[in-house]
Each structure stands twice: as C-alpha cells, then as structure tokens.
Amino acid sequence: MKYKDYYALMGVPRNATEAEIKTAYRKLARKFHPDLSKEADAETRFKEIGEAYQVLKDPEQRAAFDALGTGFKDGEEIRPRPEANGAYGSDGDGDAQAAEDFFSDLFGRHARQSARSYTPEWPGEDLHAKVTVSLEDIYNGAQRTLSLQTPVIDDQGRVTYQTRTLDVAIPKGILDGQRLRLASQGGLGMGNAPRGDLYLEISVETPRRYRIDGRDVTSDLPLAPWEAALGAEVVVPTPSGDVTVTVPAGSSAGRRLRLKGRGIPGNPPGDFYVMLGIVLPPADTDARKAAYAEMRKALDFDPRAHFYR
C-alpha cells in the first residue's frame, strides 16, 4: 500500500486534539470544496482531506495509523510488520500480504468510501447587511421587510442563490452604526449543522435640520430680531412631534435651549436642543431701508462696543 501522511494532509501535528483535527477539517473542506474552490486540484484535495479525517477522527483507526510509526514519505510503498505476538501471523509472504490487505482496507478503501458518503458539517456563514432607517423610526420603532439573496448548496453540491423575505422589527432607540443580530437567519449550514446569524447594521438617515450626538439631537431655530429681543412662543418641529418653545427676551444668536428627555429614546433618553439664530429682514425696498435708518437712530446701538477692549 502507498503511505499517506494524514496529519500532513490535515496540517496538524501528530499530537493534535480531536477539536484541532475537526477545526482543520472544516477549514480545509470549505477551502477545497469542488463547487466553492477555484483550485485546479480541489476535487482531489477534497477527497484526500475527507479520507484523512475519517481515519483521524476515529480513535481506533487513528491508533492503528499511529502504530505504523513515522519516517515514511507520501506515496512510499509500505508493508506493516507483524506484531511480536503473532497477531498478523509469521513472516511468510501470505501472512505479510494479509497484513497489508488489512491496512489497505483500513486506510484505503474504507476511508475513501466513508469520505465519499460522509456529509461535511459546519455551521452556516454569518451574513451582514445594512438597513437604512429614518430618525423618526428610531424615535418610535418600525417594521421593515427585507429581501435577501443567500448562497446555498443543493443536493447535487452546486451553489445556488435563495431569495428570502424577512420581517424585521427596528427597536425604538437604536443608534446609527449599531447592529441587530437575527439568530439562525444567516447562511445555511452543511449537513445537519445550524444556520449562521444575520447581522443588520443600522444607518440613520438624518434630515438636514437635525444633528445627532449620541442620543442628543440639535436643531437650529431662526428668529426675527424682535423675537429674540422681546421674547416669543415658537413652534419647533421635533422627530417626536411639534413642541412650543418659549424664547426668553434678550436672547442672542448661538444660545441653546434644552428640551430634557426629548432626544433619542433610551435609558436614560437623550435631550433635544434648540440652537437660536437671528435672521435679518432684507433691506430691499425704500420703505425697509427707511425702517432700518429709523431703528439706527432710535436704538443708538453699537454692536462693537466691547470688541476692541
């Protein structure tokens, strides 16, 4: 029989544990699966790996293989020596041939048949996708229907794609960049192994009038000069609905008003901030220019009074 170093085929040391052998097999079987690999000798390597795994995963077969000893080269013709107690008979040619037939059956025909009939098992791959939601969605929660195409291996071992539709609940308070894990909704496992998981990365589509910092949300509020000077009640749109905000008299541009607990929901929730800005009416008519001139006389205001101090 021709010797094959099953440990070398699997890329593990001779003292490898059962778990290490299993891990190596899963990695190599996936790498050289004929329908998944682009390697020229993928089919041959896949069969050899399956043959090696069948021997090394079985304690009795592995012990018999280890009993052959070391020092052989791949492809070298070997003839197992009879045991001292005569388990394989005498040194006669017939008994030696019987011993060779025993090992050939153990490590050749039996392992190859097992490898052909053995269905590799490993969990399905985890899949990743991105889902875009609105700021209102993360304030209130939402439902999304997703269509996913996932690779599967059919009964003939060919790779095909399966379209699946999933109803996904977007939880209230989830933040941009966070991930949702949908257990057992990933790629199909091989054999009886379970599916992988599906991870959805949340991307929040934010309207231009809002800025998000953690769970806090900020919006600019434009005011007329008299609203800032005299104070006003102003309706402010927020993702959770309109809110009436009291602008204190004497407010200046850049002042922030805090609406506690009206940010993105959470434990604790964030706050909503209103950033005040002052918008001047245009002086685009003679009447408006005259009004500005009268204001300048009436107010006698120097905006740079403290600028040079």
C-alpha atoms as a PDB file:
ATOM      1  CA  MET A   1       0.000   0.000   0.000  1.00  0.00           C
ATOM      2  CA  LYS A   2       1.077   3.602  -0.554  1.00  0.00           C
ATOM      3  CA  TYR A   3       1.611   5.666   2.557  1.00  0.00           C
ATOM      4  CA  LYS A   4      -0.290   8.918   3.072  1.00  0.00           C
ATOM      5  CA  ASP A   5       0.616  11.204   5.943  1.00  0.00           C
ATOM      6  CA  TYR A   6      -2.864  12.102   7.118  1.00  0.00           C
ATOM      7  CA  TYR A   7      -1.521  14.551   9.675  1.00  0.00           C
ATOM      8  CA  ALA A   8       0.334  16.461   6.958  1.00  0.00           C
ATOM      9  CA  LEU A   9      -2.763  16.433   4.755  1.00  0.00           C
ATOM     10  CA  MET A  10      -4.749  17.996   7.581  1.00  0.00           C
ATOM     11  CA  GLY A  11      -1.959  20.408   8.526  1.00  0.00           C
ATOM     12  CA  VAL A  12      -1.956  19.321  12.199  1.00  0.00           C
ATOM     13  CA  PRO A  13       0.736  17.817  14.445  1.00  0.00           C
ATOM     14  CA  ARG A  14       0.596  14.130  15.384  1.00  0.00           C
ATOM     15  CA  ASN A  15      -0.462  15.062  18.914  1.00  0.00           C
ATOM     16  CA  ALA A  16      -3.352  17.233  17.710  1.00  0.00           C
ATOM     17  CA  THR A  17      -6.525  17.081  19.759  1.00  0.00           C
ATOM     18  CA  GLU A  18      -9.848  15.909  18.381  1.00  0.00           C
ATOM     19  CA  ALA A  19     -11.073  19.508  18.378  1.00  0.00           C
ATOM     20  CA  GLU A  20      -7.997  20.705  16.443  1.00  0.00           C
ATOM     21  CA  ILE A  21      -8.476  17.974  13.851  1.00  0.00           C
ATOM     22  CA  LYS A  22     -12.145  18.860  13.461  1.00  0.00           C
ATOM     23  CA  THR A  23     -11.365  22.572  13.094  1.00  0.00           C
ATOM     24  CA  ALA A  24      -8.679  21.855  10.493  1.00  0.00           C
ATOM     25  CA  TYR A  25     -11.069  19.645   8.544  1.00  0.00           C
ATOM     26  CA  ARG A  26     -13.811  22.277   8.461  1.00  0.00           C
ATOM     27  CA  LYS A  27     -11.372  24.897   7.210  1.00  0.00           C
ATOM     28  CA  LEU A  28      -9.862  22.685   4.506  1.00  0.00           C
ATOM     29  CA  ALA A  29     -13.178  21.163   3.401  1.00  0.00           C
ATOM     30  CA  ARG A  30     -14.598  24.614   2.848  1.00  0.00           C
ATOM     31  CA  LYS A  31     -11.417  25.737   1.048  1.00  0.00           C
ATOM     32  CA  PHE A  32     -11.298  22.764  -1.365  1.00  0.00           C
ATOM     33  CA  HIS A  33     -14.998  22.027  -1.839  1.00  0.00           C
ATOM     34  CA  PRO A  34     -15.210  21.448  -5.625  1.00  0.00           C
ATOM     35  CA  ASP A  35     -18.179  23.790  -6.018  1.00  0.00           C
ATOM     36  CA  LEU A  36     -16.635  26.570  -3.980  1.00  0.00           C
ATOM     37  CA  SER A  37     -12.904  26.366  -4.720  1.00  0.00           C
ATOM     38  CA  LYS A  38     -11.023  27.694  -7.750  1.00  0.00           C
ATOM     39  CA  GLU A  39      -8.036  25.426  -7.059  1.00  0.00           C
ATOM     40  CA  ALA A  40      -7.216  23.136 -10.012  1.00  0.00           C
ATOM     41  CA  ASP A  41      -6.894  20.048  -7.796  1.00  0.00           C
ATOM     42  CA  ALA A  42      -9.798  20.946  -5.487  1.00  0.00           C
ATOM     43  CA  GLU A  43     -11.736  17.700  -6.027  1.00  0.00           C
ATOM     44  CA  THR A  44      -8.695  15.503  -5.367  1.00  0.00           C
ATOM     45  CA  ARG A  45      -7.704  17.502  -2.295  1.00  0.00           C
ATOM     46  CA  PHE A  46     -11.282  17.416  -1.011  1.00  0.00           C
ATOM     47  CA  LYS A  47     -11.370  13.595  -1.244  1.00  0.00           C
ATOM     48  CA  GLU A  48      -7.944  13.236   0.385  1.00  0.00           C
ATOM     49  CA  ILE A  49      -8.953  15.520   3.250  1.00  0.00           C
ATOM     50  CA  GLY A  50     -12.158  13.541   3.766  1.00  0.00           C
ATOM     51  CA  GLU A  51     -10.193  10.280   3.787  1.00  0.00           C
ATOM     52  CA  ALA A  52      -7.711  11.651   6.317  1.00  0.00           C
ATOM     53  CA  TYR A  53     -10.457  12.990   8.544  1.00  0.00           C
ATOM     54  CA  GLN A  54     -12.290   9.661   8.568  1.00  0.00           C
ATOM     55  CA  VAL A  55      -9.173   7.982   9.937  1.00  0.00           C
ATOM     56  CA  LEU A  56      -8.002  10.629  12.403  1.00  0.00           C
ATOM     57  CA  LYS A  57     -11.419  11.342  13.911  1.00  0.00           C
ATOM     58  CA  ASP A  58     -11.886   7.687  14.852  1.00  0.00           C
ATOM     59  CA  PRO A  59      -9.776   6.701  17.916  1.00  0.00           C
ATOM     60  CA  GLU A  60      -9.269   3.091  16.803  1.00  0.00           C
ATOM     61  CA  GLN A  61      -8.321   3.934  13.229  1.00  0.00           C
ATOM     62  CA  ARG A  62      -6.060   6.739  14.416  1.00  0.00           C
ATOM     63  CA  ALA A  63      -4.306   4.387  16.858  1.00  0.00           C
ATOM     64  CA  ALA A  64      -3.770   1.850  14.064  1.00  0.00           C
ATOM     65  CA  PHE A  65      -2.385   4.575  11.804  1.00  0.00           C
ATOM     66  CA  ASP A  66      -0.073   5.834  14.557  1.00  0.00           C
ATOM     67  CA  ALA A  67       1.163   2.259  15.017  1.00  0.00           C
ATOM     68  CA  LEU A  68       2.694   2.428  11.539  1.00  0.00           C
ATOM     69  CA  GLY A  69       5.239   4.814  13.001  1.00  0.00           C
ATOM     70  CA  THR A  70       6.979   7.753  11.325  1.00  0.00           C
ATOM     71  CA  GLY A  71       9.690   8.175   8.745  1.00  0.00           C
ATOM     72  CA  PHE A  72       7.605   7.271   5.729  1.00  0.00           C
ATOM     73  CA  LYS A  73       7.184   9.574   2.747  1.00  0.00           C
ATOM     74  CA  ASP A  74       3.941  10.220   0.902  1.00  0.00           C
ATOM     75  CA  GLY A  75       3.495   7.656  -1.879  1.00  0.00           C
ATOM     76  CA  GLU A  76       6.092   5.277  -0.448  1.00  0.00           C
ATOM     77  CA  GLU A  77       5.190   1.577  -0.602  1.00  0.00           C
ATOM     78  CA  ILE A  78       4.908   0.178   2.934  1.00  0.00           C
ATOM     79  CA  ARG A  79       4.278  -3.254   4.409  1.00  0.00           C
ATOM     80  CA  PRO A  80       3.260  -3.293   8.102  1.00  0.00           C
ATOM     81  CA  ARG A  81       5.344  -5.649  10.139  1.00  0.00           C
ATOM     82  CA  PRO A  82       3.612  -8.462  12.094  1.00  0.00           C
ATOM     83  CA  GLU A  83       3.262  -7.910  15.802  1.00  0.00           C
ATOM     84  CA  ALA A  84       5.641  -9.874  18.056  1.00  0.00           C
ATOM     85  CA  ASN A  85       2.712 -11.813  19.484  1.00  0.00           C
ATOM     86  CA  GLY A  86       1.821 -13.101  16.029  1.00  0.00           C
ATOM     87  CA  ALA A  87      -1.313 -11.062  15.580  1.00  0.00           C
ATOM     88  CA  TYR A  88      -0.611 -10.918  11.851  1.00  0.00           C
ATOM     89  CA  GLY A  89       0.920 -14.407  11.646  1.00  0.00           C
ATOM     90  CA  SER A  90       4.510 -15.271  10.662  1.00  0.00           C
ATOM     91  CA  ASP A  91       6.875 -13.529   8.276  1.00  0.00           C
ATOM     92  CA  GLY A  92       5.649 -15.655   5.372  1.00  0.00           C
ATOM     93  CA  ASP A  93       4.597 -13.891   2.212  1.00  0.00           C
ATOM     94  CA  GLY A  94       0.960 -14.892   2.591  1.00  0.00           C
ATOM     95  CA  ASP A  95       0.699 -13.576   6.138  1.00  0.00           C
ATOM     96  CA  ALA A  96       2.541 -10.384   5.216  1.00  0.00           C
ATOM     97  CA  GLN A  97       0.153  -9.899   2.315  1.00  0.00           C
ATOM     98  CA  ALA A  98      -2.759 -10.419   4.708  1.00  0.00           C
ATOM     99  CA  ALA A  99      -1.349  -7.713   6.963  1.00  0.00           C
ATOM    100  CA  GLU A 100      -1.022  -5.363   4.001  1.00  0.00           C
ATOM    101  CA  ASP A 101      -4.599  -6.127   2.953  1.00  0.00           C
ATOM    102  CA  PHE A 102      -5.759  -5.286   6.466  1.00  0.00           C
ATOM    103  CA  PHE A 103      -4.119  -1.859   6.470  1.00  0.00           C
ATOM    104  CA  SER A 104      -5.092  -1.202   2.879  1.00  0.00           C
ATOM    105  CA  ASP A 105      -8.703  -1.871   3.793  1.00  0.00           C
ATOM    106  CA  LEU A 106      -8.439   0.246   6.916  1.00  0.00           C
ATOM    107  CA  PHE A 107      -6.763   3.270   5.421  1.00  0.00           C
ATOM    108  CA  GLY A 108      -7.614   2.893   1.751  1.00  0.00           C
ATOM    109  CA  ARG A 109     -10.930   1.524   0.595  1.00  0.00           C
ATOM    110  CA  HIS A 110     -12.802   2.015   3.884  1.00  0.00           C
ATOM    111  CA  ALA A 111     -11.659   5.604   4.387  1.00  0.00           C
ATOM    112  CA  ARG A 112     -12.315   6.551   0.773  1.00  0.00           C
ATOM    113  CA  GLN A 113     -15.801   5.063   0.842  1.00  0.00           C
ATOM    114  CA  SER A 114     -16.521   6.862   4.110  1.00  0.00           C
ATOM    115  CA  ALA A 115     -15.196  10.110   2.684  1.00  0.00           C
ATOM    116  CA  ARG A 116     -17.497   9.795  -0.344  1.00  0.00           C
ATOM    117  CA  SER A 117     -20.536   9.046   1.803  1.00  0.00           C
ATOM    118  CA  TYR A 118     -19.694  11.493   4.565  1.00  0.00           C
ATOM    119  CA  THR A 119     -21.502  14.821   4.509  1.00  0.00           C
ATOM    120  CA  PRO A 120     -19.257  17.555   5.934  1.00  0.00           C
ATOM    121  CA  GLU A 121     -20.864  19.521   8.727  1.00  0.00           C
ATOM    122  CA  TRP A 122     -20.089  23.079   9.682  1.00  0.00           C
ATOM    123  CA  PRO A 123     -22.300  25.982  10.729  1.00  0.00           C
ATOM    124  CA  GLY A 124     -23.557  28.339   8.067  1.00  0.00           C
ATOM    125  CA  GLU A 125     -21.727  31.596   7.497  1.00  0.00           C
ATOM    126  CA  ASP A 126     -22.792  34.758   9.289  1.00  0.00           C
ATOM    127  CA  LEU A 127     -24.239  37.270   6.845  1.00  0.00           C
ATOM    128  CA  HIS A 128     -24.039  41.058   7.060  1.00  0.00           C
ATOM    129  CA  ALA A 129     -26.305  43.685   5.544  1.00  0.00           C
ATOM    130  CA  LYS A 130     -27.090  47.361   6.041  1.00  0.00           C
ATOM    131  CA  VAL A 131     -30.579  48.760   6.570  1.00  0.00           C
ATOM    132  CA  THR A 132     -31.395  52.471   6.349  1.00  0.00           C
ATOM    133  CA  VAL A 133     -33.991  53.931   8.706  1.00  0.00           C
ATOM    134  CA  SER A 134     -35.260  57.436   9.404  1.00  0.00           C
ATOM    135  CA  LEU A 135     -34.749  59.434  12.574  1.00  0.00           C
ATOM    136  CA  GLU A 136     -38.486  59.069  13.231  1.00  0.00           C
ATOM    137  CA  ASP A 137     -38.057  55.281  13.012  1.00  0.00           C
ATOM    138  CA  ILE A 138     -35.542  55.197  15.855  1.00  0.00           C
ATOM    139  CA  TYR A 139     -37.743  57.531  17.903  1.00  0.00           C
ATOM    140  CA  ASN A 140     -40.825  55.356  17.518  1.00  0.00           C
ATOM    141  CA  GLY A 141     -39.630  51.924  16.370  1.00  0.00           C
ATOM    142  CA  ALA A 142     -40.571  50.492  12.987  1.00  0.00           C
ATOM    143  CA  GLN A 143     -41.090  47.346  10.903  1.00  0.00           C
ATOM    144  CA  ARG A 144     -39.062  46.635   7.774  1.00  0.00           C
ATOM    145  CA  THR A 145     -39.430  43.895   5.162  1.00  0.00           C
ATOM    146  CA  LEU A 146     -36.083  42.819   3.694  1.00  0.00           C
ATOM    147  CA  SER A 147     -35.328  40.627   0.685  1.00  0.00           C
ATOM    148  CA  LEU A 148     -32.020  38.780   0.910  1.00  0.00           C
ATOM    149  CA  GLN A 149     -30.179  36.551  -1.535  1.00  0.00           C
ATOM    150  CA  THR A 150     -28.131  33.921   0.274  1.00  0.00           C
ATOM    151  CA  PRO A 151     -25.866  31.221  -1.254  1.00  0.00           C
ATOM    152  CA  VAL A 152     -26.937  27.606  -0.632  1.00  0.00           C
ATOM    153  CA  ILE A 153     -25.608  24.223  -1.756  1.00  0.00           C
ATOM    154  CA  ASP A 154     -28.233  21.973  -3.369  1.00  0.00           C
ATOM    155  CA  ASP A 155     -28.475  18.179  -3.235  1.00  0.00           C
ATOM    156  CA  GLN A 156     -26.013  17.877  -6.130  1.00  0.00           C
ATOM    157  CA  GLY A 157     -23.477  20.055  -4.319  1.00  0.00           C
ATOM    158  CA  ARG A 158     -23.955  23.044  -6.604  1.00  0.00           C
ATOM    159  CA  VAL A 159     -24.002  26.608  -5.312  1.00  0.00           C
ATOM    160  CA  THR A 160     -27.289  28.420  -5.971  1.00  0.00           C
ATOM    161  CA  TYR A 161     -28.910  31.525  -4.530  1.00  0.00           C
ATOM    162  CA  GLN A 162     -32.064  31.591  -2.475  1.00  0.00           C
ATOM    163  CA  THR A 163     -34.195  34.705  -2.053  1.00  0.00           C
ATOM    164  CA  ARG A 164     -35.681  35.091   1.391  1.00  0.00           C
ATOM    165  CA  THR A 165     -38.031  37.729   2.751  1.00  0.00           C
ATOM    166  CA  LEU A 166     -37.698  38.735   6.393  1.00  0.00           C
ATOM    167  CA  ASP A 167     -39.883  40.975   8.550  1.00  0.00           C
ATOM    168  CA  VAL A 168     -37.558  42.869  10.878  1.00  0.00           C
ATOM    169  CA  ALA A 169     -38.527  44.936  13.914  1.00  0.00           C
ATOM    170  CA  ILE A 170     -36.420  48.078  14.302  1.00  0.00           C
ATOM    171  CA  PRO A 171     -36.332  48.714  18.061  1.00  0.00           C
ATOM    172  CA  LYS A 172     -37.003  52.152  19.473  1.00  0.00           C
ATOM    173  CA  GLY A 173     -33.806  53.943  20.478  1.00  0.00           C
ATOM    174  CA  ILE A 174     -31.310  52.029  18.310  1.00  0.00           C
ATOM    175  CA  LEU A 175     -28.406  54.237  17.225  1.00  0.00           C
ATOM    176  CA  ASP A 176     -26.613  54.785  13.950  1.00  0.00           C
ATOM    177  CA  GLY A 177     -23.933  52.121  13.444  1.00  0.00           C
ATOM    178  CA  GLN A 178     -25.395  49.635  15.917  1.00  0.00           C
ATOM    179  CA  ARG A 179     -26.110  46.087  14.738  1.00  0.00           C
ATOM    180  CA  LEU A 180     -29.144  43.859  15.061  1.00  0.00           C
ATOM    181  CA  ARG A 181     -28.426  40.124  15.386  1.00  0.00           C
ATOM    182  CA  LEU A 182     -31.015  37.815  13.876  1.00  0.00           C
ATOM    183  CA  ALA A 183     -30.133  34.358  15.166  1.00  0.00           C
ATOM    184  CA  SER A 184     -30.193  31.487  12.639  1.00  0.00           C
ATOM    185  CA  GLN A 185     -31.083  33.783   9.723  1.00  0.00           C
ATOM    186  CA  GLY A 186     -27.685  33.613   8.031  1.00  0.00           C
ATOM    187  CA  GLY A 187     -26.256  31.130   5.532  1.00  0.00           C
ATOM    188  CA  LEU A 188     -27.323  27.501   5.529  1.00  0.00           C
ATOM    189  CA  GLY A 189     -25.121  25.061   7.404  1.00  0.00           C
ATOM    190  CA  MET A 190     -23.750  21.989   5.664  1.00  0.00           C
ATOM    191  CA  GLY A 191     -25.110  18.629   6.764  1.00  0.00           C
ATOM    192  CA  ASN A 192     -27.088  18.954   9.957  1.00  0.00           C
ATOM    193  CA  ALA A 193     -25.178  21.998  11.197  1.00  0.00           C
ATOM    194  CA  PRO A 194     -27.246  25.086  12.102  1.00  0.00           C
ATOM    195  CA  ARG A 195     -27.612  28.248  10.062  1.00  0.00           C
ATOM    196  CA  GLY A 196     -25.346  31.200  10.729  1.00  0.00           C
ATOM    197  CA  ASP A 197     -26.639  34.524  12.035  1.00  0.00           C
ATOM    198  CA  LEU A 198     -27.668  37.640  10.139  1.00  0.00           C
ATOM    199  CA  TYR A 199     -26.260  40.966  11.335  1.00  0.00           C
ATOM    200  CA  LEU A 200     -28.008  44.157  10.237  1.00  0.00           C
ATOM    201  CA  GLU A 201     -26.058  47.405  10.575  1.00  0.00           C
ATOM    202  CA  ILE A 202     -28.325  50.376  11.198  1.00  0.00           C
ATOM    203  CA  SER A 203     -27.804  53.519   9.133  1.00  0.00           C
ATOM    204  CA  VAL A 204     -29.886  56.504  10.238  1.00  0.00           C
ATOM    205  CA  GLU A 205     -30.946  58.898   7.502  1.00  0.00           C
ATOM    206  CA  THR A 206     -30.968  62.274   9.253  1.00  0.00           C
ATOM    207  CA  PRO A 207     -32.810  65.337   7.856  1.00  0.00           C
ATOM    208  CA  ARG A 208     -30.527  68.334   7.332  1.00  0.00           C
ATOM    209  CA  ARG A 209     -32.205  70.364  10.052  1.00  0.00           C
ATOM    210  CA  TYR A 210     -31.097  67.878  12.732  1.00  0.00           C
ATOM    211  CA  ARG A 211     -27.689  66.991  14.139  1.00  0.00           C
ATOM    212  CA  ILE A 212     -27.148  63.897  16.283  1.00  0.00           C
ATOM    213  CA  ASP A 213     -24.587  63.489  19.066  1.00  0.00           C
ATOM    214  CA  GLY A 214     -25.095  60.164  20.808  1.00  0.00           C
ATOM    215  CA  ARG A 215     -28.706  60.332  21.946  1.00  0.00           C
ATOM    216  CA  ASP A 216     -28.860  64.129  21.891  1.00  0.00           C
ATOM    217  CA  VAL A 217     -30.439  65.888  18.908  1.00  0.00           C
ATOM    218  CA  THR A 218     -29.900  69.540  17.963  1.00  0.00           C
ATOM    219  CA  SER A 219     -31.934  71.711  15.594  1.00  0.00           C
ATOM    220  CA  ASP A 220     -31.417  75.324  14.504  1.00  0.00           C
ATOM    221  CA  LEU A 221     -34.249  77.770  15.174  1.00  0.00           C
ATOM    222  CA  PRO A 222     -34.240  81.002  13.116  1.00  0.00           C
ATOM    223  CA  LEU A 223     -35.699  84.079  14.879  1.00  0.00           C
ATOM    224  CA  ALA A 224     -36.604  87.576  13.801  1.00  0.00           C
ATOM    225  CA  PRO A 225     -34.667  90.298  15.692  1.00  0.00           C
ATOM    226  CA  TRP A 226     -37.757  91.364  17.647  1.00  0.00           C
ATOM    227  CA  GLU A 227     -38.497  87.751  18.681  1.00  0.00           C
ATOM    228  CA  ALA A 228     -35.002  87.447  20.152  1.00  0.00           C
ATOM    229  CA  ALA A 229     -35.200  90.885  21.762  1.00  0.00           C
ATOM    230  CA  LEU A 230     -38.736  90.765  23.122  1.00  0.00           C
ATOM    231  CA  GLY A 231     -39.194  87.018  23.603  1.00  0.00           C
ATOM    232  CA  ALA A 232     -41.653  84.783  21.753  1.00  0.00           C
ATOM    233  CA  GLU A 233     -43.560  81.496  21.724  1.00  0.00           C
ATOM    234  CA  VAL A 234     -42.324  79.479  18.731  1.00  0.00           C
ATOM    235  CA  VAL A 235     -43.482  76.061  17.453  1.00  0.00           C
ATOM    236  CA  VAL A 236     -40.483  73.773  16.877  1.00  0.00           C
ATOM    237  CA  PRO A 237     -40.770  70.529  14.862  1.00  0.00           C
ATOM    238  CA  THR A 238     -39.066  67.512  16.507  1.00  0.00           C
ATOM    239  CA  PRO A 239     -38.905  63.839  15.467  1.00  0.00           C
ATOM    240  CA  SER A 240     -41.475  63.056  18.172  1.00  0.00           C
ATOM    241  CA  GLY A 241     -43.866  65.872  17.163  1.00  0.00           C
ATOM    242  CA  ASP A 242     -44.200  69.642  17.340  1.00  0.00           C
ATOM    243  CA  VAL A 243     -43.262  71.391  20.597  1.00  0.00           C
ATOM    244  CA  THR A 244     -43.938  75.010  21.617  1.00  0.00           C
ATOM    245  CA  VAL A 245     -40.737  76.635  22.858  1.00  0.00           C
ATOM    246  CA  THR A 246     -40.528  79.806  24.923  1.00  0.00           C
ATOM    247  CA  VAL A 247     -37.739  82.064  23.693  1.00  0.00           C
ATOM    248  CA  PRO A 248     -36.628  84.304  26.583  1.00  0.00           C
ATOM    249  CA  ALA A 249     -36.449  88.055  25.970  1.00  0.00           C
ATOM    250  CA  GLY A 250     -32.954  89.294  25.236  1.00  0.00           C
ATOM    251  CA  SER A 251     -31.806  86.031  23.627  1.00  0.00           C
ATOM    252  CA  SER A 252     -28.773  86.204  21.374  1.00  0.00           C
ATOM    253  CA  ALA A 253     -27.668  84.098  18.424  1.00  0.00           C
ATOM    254  CA  GLY A 254     -25.952  80.867  19.482  1.00  0.00           C
ATOM    255  CA  ARG A 255     -27.964  80.389  22.660  1.00  0.00           C
ATOM    256  CA  ARG A 256     -29.135  76.823  23.266  1.00  0.00           C
ATOM    257  CA  LEU A 257     -32.482  75.900  24.753  1.00  0.00           C
ATOM    258  CA  ARG A 258     -32.719  72.403  26.229  1.00  0.00           C
ATOM    259  CA  LEU A 259     -35.779  70.187  25.997  1.00  0.00           C
ATOM    260  CA  LYS A 260     -34.973  67.491  28.551  1.00  0.00           C
ATOM    261  CA  GLY A 261     -35.710  63.899  27.589  1.00  0.00           C
ATOM    262  CA  ARG A 262     -36.871  64.708  24.064  1.00  0.00           C
ATOM    263  CA  GLY A 263     -33.811  63.253  22.358  1.00  0.00           C
ATOM    264  CA  ILE A 264     -33.451  59.690  21.112  1.00  0.00           C
ATOM    265  CA  PRO A 265     -35.230  57.239  23.445  1.00  0.00           C
ATOM    266  CA  GLY A 266     -33.051  55.207  25.785  1.00  0.00           C
ATOM    267  CA  ASN A 267     -32.288  54.603  29.420  1.00  0.00           C
ATOM    268  CA  PRO A 268     -31.815  57.463  30.015  1.00  0.00           C
ATOM    269  CA  PRO A 269     -33.123  59.220  26.898  1.00  0.00           C
ATOM    270  CA  GLY A 270     -31.192  61.994  25.225  1.00  0.00           C
ATOM    271  CA  ASP A 271     -32.120  65.679  25.173  1.00  0.00           C
ATOM    272  CA  PHE A 272     -33.309  67.877  22.330  1.00  0.00           C
ATOM    273  CA  TYR A 273     -31.512  71.212  21.894  1.00  0.00           C
ATOM    274  CA  VAL A 274     -32.720  74.277  20.028  1.00  0.00           C
ATOM    275  CA  MET A 275     -29.893  76.468  18.710  1.00  0.00           C
ATOM    276  CA  LEU A 276     -31.085  80.075  18.277  1.00  0.00           C
ATOM    277  CA  GLY A 277     -30.169  82.082  15.229  1.00  0.00           C
ATOM    278  CA  ILE A 278     -31.220  85.612  14.193  1.00  0.00           C
ATOM    279  CA  VAL A 279     -32.324  86.327  10.645  1.00  0.00           C
ATOM    280  CA  LEU A 280     -32.443  89.943   9.458  1.00  0.00           C
ATOM    281  CA  PRO A 281     -35.164  91.125   7.121  1.00  0.00           C
ATOM    282  CA  PRO A 282     -33.672  92.261   3.802  1.00  0.00           C
ATOM    283  CA  ALA A 283     -33.357  95.983   3.130  1.00  0.00           C
ATOM    284  CA  ASP A 284     -34.593  95.570  -0.408  1.00  0.00           C
ATOM    285  CA  THR A 285     -37.128  98.423  -0.644  1.00  0.00           C
ATOM    286  CA  ASP A 286     -37.050 102.121   0.163  1.00  0.00           C
ATOM    287  CA  ALA A 287     -39.534 101.576   2.981  1.00  0.00           C
ATOM    288  CA  ARG A 288     -37.395  98.890   4.608  1.00  0.00           C
ATOM    289  CA  LYS A 289     -34.266 100.954   4.249  1.00  0.00           C
ATOM    290  CA  ALA A 290     -36.052 103.821   5.953  1.00  0.00           C
ATOM    291  CA  ALA A 291     -37.176 101.489   8.741  1.00  0.00           C
ATOM    292  CA  TYR A 292     -33.576 100.406   9.337  1.00  0.00           C
ATOM    293  CA  ALA A 293     -32.477 104.066   9.401  1.00  0.00           C
ATOM    294  CA  GLU A 294     -35.121 104.890  11.997  1.00  0.00           C
ATOM    295  CA  MET A 295     -34.047 101.869  14.061  1.00  0.00           C
ATOM    296  CA  ARG A 296     -30.454 103.061  13.997  1.00  0.00           C
ATOM    297  CA  LYS A 297     -31.482 106.455  15.346  1.00  0.00           C
ATOM    298  CA  ALA A 298     -33.918 105.075  17.907  1.00  0.00           C
ATOM    299  CA  LEU A 299     -31.714 102.370  19.377  1.00  0.00           C
ATOM    300  CA  ASP A 300     -28.329 104.131  19.312  1.00  0.00           C
ATOM    301  CA  PHE A 301     -26.707 100.666  19.429  1.00  0.00           C
ATOM    302  CA  ASP A 302     -23.010  99.920  18.891  1.00  0.00           C
ATOM    303  CA  PRO A 303     -22.523  96.161  18.325  1.00  0.00           C
ATOM    304  CA  ARG A 304     -18.719  96.562  18.692  1.00  0.00           C
ATOM    305  CA  ALA A 305     -18.739  98.465  21.955  1.00  0.00           C
ATOM    306  CA  HIS A 306     -16.675  95.742  23.661  1.00  0.00           C
ATOM    307  CA  PHE A 307     -14.955  94.432  20.557  1.00  0.00           C
ATOM    308  CA  TYR A 308     -11.675  96.396  20.963  1.00  0.00           C
ATOM    309  CA  ARG A 309     -11.309  96.162  24.748  1.00  0.00           C
END
